[in-house]
Amino acid sequence: MLAFRRILAFSSRIHSYLLALYMFFALLFVLFLYYPVSEVLVSFVTLSQMLIGWTIFLEGVWIVLASIYQFFYSRVLCLQPVFMTLLRIAAYFAVSIIIDMLNIIIMNGFSLGGGT
């Protein structure tokens, strides 16, 4: 069971690295909103963000389910990987929403007054 906890800790570390990679691509996307670049590069970064985002989400689900499995198997619940995973998934969703809002504001503009 110690080996399974090590795998769980390693998976949690990989999850952190995936979030860091997503943050890098998010920064690239934000910079691309201000500076003109080719459409191929923008589509590559967008596709990379989408793939890494799904990987972050699915890896997080795996870590939570593995922690629950470990609890039923050995009666020891490691809460630190679960809390950190939930925190990383929340950070992913927050950054994703902020980037979408920035994209909408930069591409469509911003107006007060609720016109047509």
C-alpha atoms as a PDB file:
ATOM      1  CA  MET A   1       0.000   0.000   0.000  1.00  0.00           C
ATOM      2  CA  LEU A   2       2.980   2.276   0.499  1.00  0.00           C
ATOM      3  CA  ALA A   3       3.730   1.911  -3.204  1.00  0.00           C
ATOM      4  CA  PHE A   4       0.186   3.041  -4.016  1.00  0.00           C
ATOM      5  CA  ARG A   5       0.603   6.123  -1.817  1.00  0.00           C
ATOM      6  CA  ARG A   6       3.827   6.919  -3.636  1.00  0.00           C
ATOM      7  CA  ILE A   7       2.038   6.621  -6.966  1.00  0.00           C
ATOM      8  CA  LEU A   8      -0.669   8.917  -5.623  1.00  0.00           C
ATOM      9  CA  ALA A   9       1.923  11.472  -4.501  1.00  0.00           C
ATOM     10  CA  PHE A  10       3.694  11.274  -7.856  1.00  0.00           C
ATOM     11  CA  SER A  11       0.388  11.739  -9.680  1.00  0.00           C
ATOM     12  CA  SER A  12      -0.308  14.780  -7.535  1.00  0.00           C
ATOM     13  CA  ARG A  13       3.083  16.207  -8.501  1.00  0.00           C
ATOM     14  CA  ILE A  14       2.377  15.569 -12.191  1.00  0.00           C
ATOM     15  CA  HIS A  15      -0.961  17.334 -11.729  1.00  0.00           C
ATOM     16  CA  SER A  16       0.908  20.392 -10.421  1.00  0.00           C
ATOM     17  CA  TYR A  17       3.234  20.345 -13.436  1.00  0.00           C
ATOM     18  CA  LEU A  18       0.270  20.129 -15.789  1.00  0.00           C
ATOM     19  CA  LEU A  19      -1.257  23.181 -14.121  1.00  0.00           C
ATOM     20  CA  ALA A  20       2.029  25.066 -14.527  1.00  0.00           C
ATOM     21  CA  LEU A  21       2.106  24.119 -18.211  1.00  0.00           C
ATOM     22  CA  TYR A  22      -1.493  25.297 -18.585  1.00  0.00           C
ATOM     23  CA  MET A  23      -0.561  28.613 -16.959  1.00  0.00           C
ATOM     24  CA  PHE A  24       2.264  29.003 -19.485  1.00  0.00           C
ATOM     25  CA  PHE A  25      -0.092  28.442 -22.416  1.00  0.00           C
ATOM     26  CA  ALA A  26      -2.635  30.774 -20.813  1.00  0.00           C
ATOM     27  CA  LEU A  27       0.014  33.488 -20.602  1.00  0.00           C
ATOM     28  CA  LEU A  28       0.888  32.894 -24.249  1.00  0.00           C
ATOM     29  CA  PHE A  29      -2.774  33.191 -25.217  1.00  0.00           C
ATOM     30  CA  VAL A  30      -3.151  36.463 -23.312  1.00  0.00           C
ATOM     31  CA  LEU A  31      -0.024  37.825 -24.978  1.00  0.00           C
ATOM     32  CA  PHE A  32      -1.391  36.771 -28.368  1.00  0.00           C
ATOM     33  CA  LEU A  33      -4.475  38.907 -27.742  1.00  0.00           C
ATOM     34  CA  TYR A  34      -2.265  42.011 -27.653  1.00  0.00           C
ATOM     35  CA  TYR A  35       0.373  41.180 -30.276  1.00  0.00           C
ATOM     36  CA  PRO A  36      -0.336  40.042 -33.833  1.00  0.00           C
ATOM     37  CA  VAL A  37       0.708  36.448 -34.507  1.00  0.00           C
ATOM     38  CA  SER A  38      -0.217  33.881 -37.143  1.00  0.00           C
ATOM     39  CA  GLU A  39      -3.500  32.015 -36.889  1.00  0.00           C
ATOM     40  CA  VAL A  40      -1.653  28.696 -36.908  1.00  0.00           C
ATOM     41  CA  LEU A  41       0.150  29.578 -33.688  1.00  0.00           C
ATOM     42  CA  VAL A  42      -3.054  30.793 -32.030  1.00  0.00           C
ATOM     43  CA  SER A  43      -4.899  27.616 -33.017  1.00  0.00           C
ATOM     44  CA  PHE A  44      -1.984  25.484 -31.741  1.00  0.00           C
ATOM     45  CA  VAL A  45      -1.997  27.258 -28.369  1.00  0.00           C
ATOM     46  CA  THR A  46      -5.790  26.980 -28.148  1.00  0.00           C
ATOM     47  CA  LEU A  47      -5.688  23.269 -28.945  1.00  0.00           C
ATOM     48  CA  SER A  48      -2.875  22.765 -26.425  1.00  0.00           C
ATOM     49  CA  GLN A  49      -4.872  24.589 -23.760  1.00  0.00           C
ATOM     50  CA  MET A  50      -7.893  22.425 -24.447  1.00  0.00           C
ATOM     51  CA  LEU A  51      -5.919  19.166 -24.328  1.00  0.00           C
ATOM     52  CA  ILE A  52      -4.020  20.139 -21.191  1.00  0.00           C
ATOM     53  CA  GLY A  53      -7.246  21.343 -19.570  1.00  0.00           C
ATOM     54  CA  TRP A  54      -8.967  18.015 -20.151  1.00  0.00           C
ATOM     55  CA  THR A  55      -5.860  16.211 -18.924  1.00  0.00           C
ATOM     56  CA  ILE A  56      -5.847  18.322 -15.749  1.00  0.00           C
ATOM     57  CA  PHE A  57      -9.503  17.552 -15.134  1.00  0.00           C
ATOM     58  CA  LEU A  58      -9.222  13.815 -15.798  1.00  0.00           C
ATOM     59  CA  GLU A  59      -5.995  13.489 -13.781  1.00  0.00           C
ATOM     60  CA  GLY A  60      -7.732  15.269 -10.900  1.00  0.00           C
ATOM     61  CA  VAL A  61     -10.668  12.888 -11.072  1.00  0.00           C
ATOM     62  CA  TRP A  62      -8.230   9.965 -11.072  1.00  0.00           C
ATOM     63  CA  ILE A  63      -6.402  11.291  -8.004  1.00  0.00           C
ATOM     64  CA  VAL A  64      -9.642  11.776  -6.067  1.00  0.00           C
ATOM     65  CA  LEU A  65     -10.948   8.336  -7.020  1.00  0.00           C
ATOM     66  CA  ALA A  66      -7.587   6.723  -6.208  1.00  0.00           C
ATOM     67  CA  SER A  67      -7.630   8.386  -2.788  1.00  0.00           C
ATOM     68  CA  ILE A  68     -11.103   7.026  -2.147  1.00  0.00           C
ATOM     69  CA  TYR A  69      -9.990   3.580  -3.305  1.00  0.00           C
ATOM     70  CA  GLN A  70      -7.003   3.758  -0.993  1.00  0.00           C
ATOM     71  CA  PHE A  71      -9.291   4.651   1.903  1.00  0.00           C
ATOM     72  CA  PHE A  72     -11.488   1.606   1.314  1.00  0.00           C
ATOM     73  CA  TYR A  73      -8.485  -0.654   0.803  1.00  0.00           C
ATOM     74  CA  SER A  74      -6.294   0.387   3.740  1.00  0.00           C
ATOM     75  CA  ARG A  75      -8.557   2.597   5.911  1.00  0.00           C
ATOM     76  CA  VAL A  76      -6.045   5.447   5.564  1.00  0.00           C
ATOM     77  CA  LEU A  77      -7.315   8.565   3.829  1.00  0.00           C
ATOM     78  CA  CYS A  78      -4.657  10.913   2.501  1.00  0.00           C
ATOM     79  CA  LEU A  79      -6.444  14.245   2.474  1.00  0.00           C
ATOM     80  CA  GLN A  80      -3.547  16.356   1.244  1.00  0.00           C
ATOM     81  CA  PRO A  81      -3.624  15.055  -2.365  1.00  0.00           C
ATOM     82  CA  VAL A  82      -7.414  15.409  -2.463  1.00  0.00           C
ATOM     83  CA  PHE A  83      -7.437  19.000  -1.191  1.00  0.00           C
ATOM     84  CA  MET A  84      -4.548  20.027  -3.406  1.00  0.00           C
ATOM     85  CA  THR A  85      -6.208  18.412  -6.410  1.00  0.00           C
ATOM     86  CA  LEU A  86      -9.457  20.242  -5.762  1.00  0.00           C
ATOM     87  CA  LEU A  87      -7.512  23.479  -5.328  1.00  0.00           C
ATOM     88  CA  ARG A  88      -5.649  22.952  -8.610  1.00  0.00           C
ATOM     89  CA  ILE A  89      -8.873  22.161 -10.479  1.00  0.00           C
ATOM     90  CA  ALA A  90     -10.463  25.309  -9.037  1.00  0.00           C
ATOM     91  CA  ALA A  91      -7.415  27.328 -10.151  1.00  0.00           C
ATOM     92  CA  TYR A  92      -7.677  25.807 -13.628  1.00  0.00           C
ATOM     93  CA  PHE A  93     -11.348  26.767 -13.923  1.00  0.00           C
ATOM     94  CA  ALA A  94     -10.695  30.272 -12.561  1.00  0.00           C
ATOM     95  CA  VAL A  95      -7.874  30.919 -15.045  1.00  0.00           C
ATOM     96  CA  SER A  96      -9.962  29.488 -17.864  1.00  0.00           C
ATOM     97  CA  ILE A  97     -12.896  31.780 -17.040  1.00  0.00           C
ATOM     98  CA  ILE A  98     -10.632  34.830 -16.725  1.00  0.00           C
ATOM     99  CA  ILE A  99      -9.017  34.103 -20.098  1.00  0.00           C
ATOM    100  CA  ASP A 100     -12.427  33.695 -21.735  1.00  0.00           C
ATOM    101  CA  MET A 101     -13.578  37.002 -20.249  1.00  0.00           C
ATOM    102  CA  LEU A 102     -10.427  38.750 -21.489  1.00  0.00           C
ATOM    103  CA  ASN A 103     -10.897  37.239 -24.914  1.00  0.00           C
ATOM    104  CA  ILE A 104     -14.495  38.439 -25.105  1.00  0.00           C
ATOM    105  CA  ILE A 105     -13.580  41.935 -23.908  1.00  0.00           C
ATOM    106  CA  ILE A 106     -10.653  42.307 -26.312  1.00  0.00           C
ATOM    107  CA  MET A 107     -12.470  40.857 -29.328  1.00  0.00           C
ATOM    108  CA  ASN A 108     -15.920  42.430 -28.791  1.00  0.00           C
ATOM    109  CA  GLY A 109     -15.215  45.458 -26.647  1.00  0.00           C
ATOM    110  CA  PHE A 110     -16.835  46.635 -23.466  1.00  0.00           C
ATOM    111  CA  SER A 111     -19.818  48.935 -23.106  1.00  0.00           C
ATOM    112  CA  LEU A 112     -21.789  50.296 -20.205  1.00  0.00           C
ATOM    113  CA  GLY A 113     -25.498  50.899 -20.509  1.00  0.00           C
ATOM    114  CA  GLY A 114     -26.734  47.635 -21.977  1.00  0.00           C
ATOM    115  CA  GLY A 115     -27.362  48.917 -25.501  1.00  0.00           C
ATOM    116  CA  THR A 116     -28.463  46.749 -28.392  1.00  0.00           C
END
